[in-house]
C-alpha atoms as a PDB file:
ATOM      1  CA  UNK A   1       0.000   0.000   0.000  1.00  0.00           C
ATOM      2  CA  UNK A   2       1.407   3.375  -0.983  1.00  0.00           C
ATOM      3  CA  UNK A   3       1.834   6.074   1.631  1.00  0.00           C
ATOM      4  CA  UNK A   4       1.065   9.696   0.875  1.00  0.00           C
ATOM      5  CA  UNK A   5       2.161  12.523   3.140  1.00  0.00           C
ATOM      6  CA  UNK A   6      -0.254  15.383   3.699  1.00  0.00           C
ATOM      7  CA  UNK A   7       0.179  18.541   5.703  1.00  0.00           C
ATOM      8  CA  UNK A   8      -2.149  19.272   8.598  1.00  0.00           C
ATOM      9  CA  UNK A   9      -3.594  22.121   6.553  1.00  0.00           C
ATOM     10  CA  UNK A  10      -4.366  19.789   3.646  1.00  0.00           C
ATOM     11  CA  UNK A  11      -6.045  17.290   5.953  1.00  0.00           C
ATOM     12  CA  UNK A  12      -8.035  20.063   7.640  1.00  0.00           C
ATOM     13  CA  UNK A  13      -9.190  21.343   4.249  1.00  0.00           C
ATOM     14  CA  UNK A  14     -10.226  17.848   3.159  1.00  0.00           C
ATOM     15  CA  UNK A  15     -12.142  17.376   6.422  1.00  0.00           C
ATOM     16  CA  UNK A  16     -13.932  20.695   5.939  1.00  0.00           C
ATOM     17  CA  UNK A  17     -15.164  19.535   2.526  1.00  0.00           C
ATOM     18  CA  UNK A  18     -16.860  16.417   3.917  1.00  0.00           C
ATOM     19  CA  UNK A  19     -20.571  16.371   4.668  1.00  0.00           C
ATOM     20  CA  UNK A  20     -21.653  15.988   8.282  1.00  0.00           C
ATOM     21  CA  UNK A  21     -22.533  12.339   7.724  1.00  0.00           C
ATOM     22  CA  UNK A  22     -19.102  11.695   6.183  1.00  0.00           C
ATOM     23  CA  UNK A  23     -17.433  13.463   9.127  1.00  0.00           C
ATOM     24  CA  UNK A  24     -19.444  11.330  11.533  1.00  0.00           C
ATOM     25  CA  UNK A  25     -18.338   8.146   9.760  1.00  0.00           C
ATOM     26  CA  UNK A  26     -14.716   9.310   9.842  1.00  0.00           C
ATOM     27  CA  UNK A  27     -14.913  10.217  13.525  1.00  0.00           C
ATOM     28  CA  UNK A  28     -16.281   6.749  14.272  1.00  0.00           C
ATOM     29  CA  UNK A  29     -13.086   5.267  12.804  1.00  0.00           C
ATOM     30  CA  UNK A  30     -10.789   7.321  15.031  1.00  0.00           C
ATOM     31  CA  UNK A  31      -9.534   5.931  18.342  1.00  0.00           C
ATOM     32  CA  UNK A  32     -11.693   6.945  21.303  1.00  0.00           C
ATOM     33  CA  UNK A  33      -8.666   8.329  23.173  1.00  0.00           C
ATOM     34  CA  UNK A  34      -8.443  11.129  20.578  1.00  0.00           C
ATOM     35  CA  UNK A  35     -11.640  12.544  22.046  1.00  0.00           C
ATOM     36  CA  UNK A  36     -10.938  12.080  25.753  1.00  0.00           C
ATOM     37  CA  UNK A  37      -9.798  15.649  26.351  1.00  0.00           C
ATOM     38  CA  UNK A  38     -12.435  17.279  24.177  1.00  0.00           C
ATOM     39  CA  UNK A  39     -15.477  19.046  25.558  1.00  0.00           C
ATOM     40  CA  UNK A  40     -18.411  16.704  25.637  1.00  0.00           C
ATOM     41  CA  UNK A  41     -21.600  17.758  23.913  1.00  0.00           C
ATOM     42  CA  UNK A  42     -24.739  18.233  25.962  1.00  0.00           C
ATOM     43  CA  UNK A  43     -27.814  16.192  25.072  1.00  0.00           C
ATOM     44  CA  UNK A  44     -29.322  19.277  23.402  1.00  0.00           C
ATOM     45  CA  UNK A  45     -26.160  19.743  21.315  1.00  0.00           C
ATOM     46  CA  UNK A  46     -26.166  16.057  20.320  1.00  0.00           C
ATOM     47  CA  UNK A  47     -29.772  16.414  19.199  1.00  0.00           C
ATOM     48  CA  UNK A  48     -28.873  19.569  17.259  1.00  0.00           C
ATOM     49  CA  UNK A  49     -25.998  17.750  15.547  1.00  0.00           C
ATOM     50  CA  UNK A  50     -28.336  14.884  14.620  1.00  0.00           C
ATOM     51  CA  UNK A  51     -30.884  17.394  13.306  1.00  0.00           C
ATOM     52  CA  UNK A  52     -28.176  19.179  11.282  1.00  0.00           C
ATOM     53  CA  UNK A  53     -27.147  15.832   9.781  1.00  0.00           C
ATOM     54  CA  UNK A  54     -30.747  15.069   8.835  1.00  0.00           C
ATOM     55  CA  UNK A  55     -31.193  18.503   7.258  1.00  0.00           C
ATOM     56  CA  UNK A  56     -28.028  18.096   5.205  1.00  0.00           C
ATOM     57  CA  UNK A  57     -28.886  14.539   4.160  1.00  0.00           C
ATOM     58  CA  UNK A  58     -32.368  15.668   3.095  1.00  0.00           C
ATOM     59  CA  UNK A  59     -30.921  18.570   1.095  1.00  0.00           C
ATOM     60  CA  UNK A  60     -32.597  21.181   3.323  1.00  0.00           C
ATOM     61  CA  UNK A  61     -29.271  22.656   4.464  1.00  0.00           C
ATOM     62  CA  UNK A  62     -25.641  22.670   3.484  1.00  0.00           C
ATOM     63  CA  UNK A  63     -22.929  23.453   5.988  1.00  0.00           C
ATOM     64  CA  UNK A  64     -19.829  24.632   4.160  1.00  0.00           C
ATOM     65  CA  UNK A  65     -17.437  24.647   7.102  1.00  0.00           C
ATOM     66  CA  UNK A  66     -17.078  22.829  10.389  1.00  0.00           C
ATOM     67  CA  UNK A  67     -17.384  26.235  12.085  1.00  0.00           C
ATOM     68  CA  UNK A  68     -20.897  26.564  10.635  1.00  0.00           C
ATOM     69  CA  UNK A  69     -21.814  23.202  12.135  1.00  0.00           C
ATOM     70  CA  UNK A  70     -20.279  24.119  15.500  1.00  0.00           C
ATOM     71  CA  UNK A  71     -22.100  27.442  15.489  1.00  0.00           C
ATOM     72  CA  UNK A  72     -25.398  25.740  14.639  1.00  0.00           C
ATOM     73  CA  UNK A  73     -24.945  23.147  17.387  1.00  0.00           C
ATOM     74  CA  UNK A  74     -23.825  25.605  20.065  1.00  0.00           C
ATOM     75  CA  UNK A  75     -26.471  28.231  19.387  1.00  0.00           C
ATOM     76  CA  UNK A  76     -29.530  26.198  18.421  1.00  0.00           C
ATOM     77  CA  UNK A  77     -32.319  27.136  20.804  1.00  0.00           C
ATOM     78  CA  UNK A  78     -33.835  24.481  23.039  1.00  0.00           C
ATOM     79  CA  UNK A  79     -37.024  23.195  21.474  1.00  0.00           C
END
């Protein structure tokens, strides 16, 4: 198997271009210890992330950057 070297910036750019569902699949492949020090999402934020994924999958929304997704999840009002 050939190995290709990418810069962190190139990997970050590639990650930004993935849909939410693709990012979720990729995150599921990463070791759990990578996420140990990260801030855990609240239940409301998890629901907002699921809702954002549904909207994108249904074609009702397109998030162009991870920052847009983070902003949506952090600031979505409780329903």
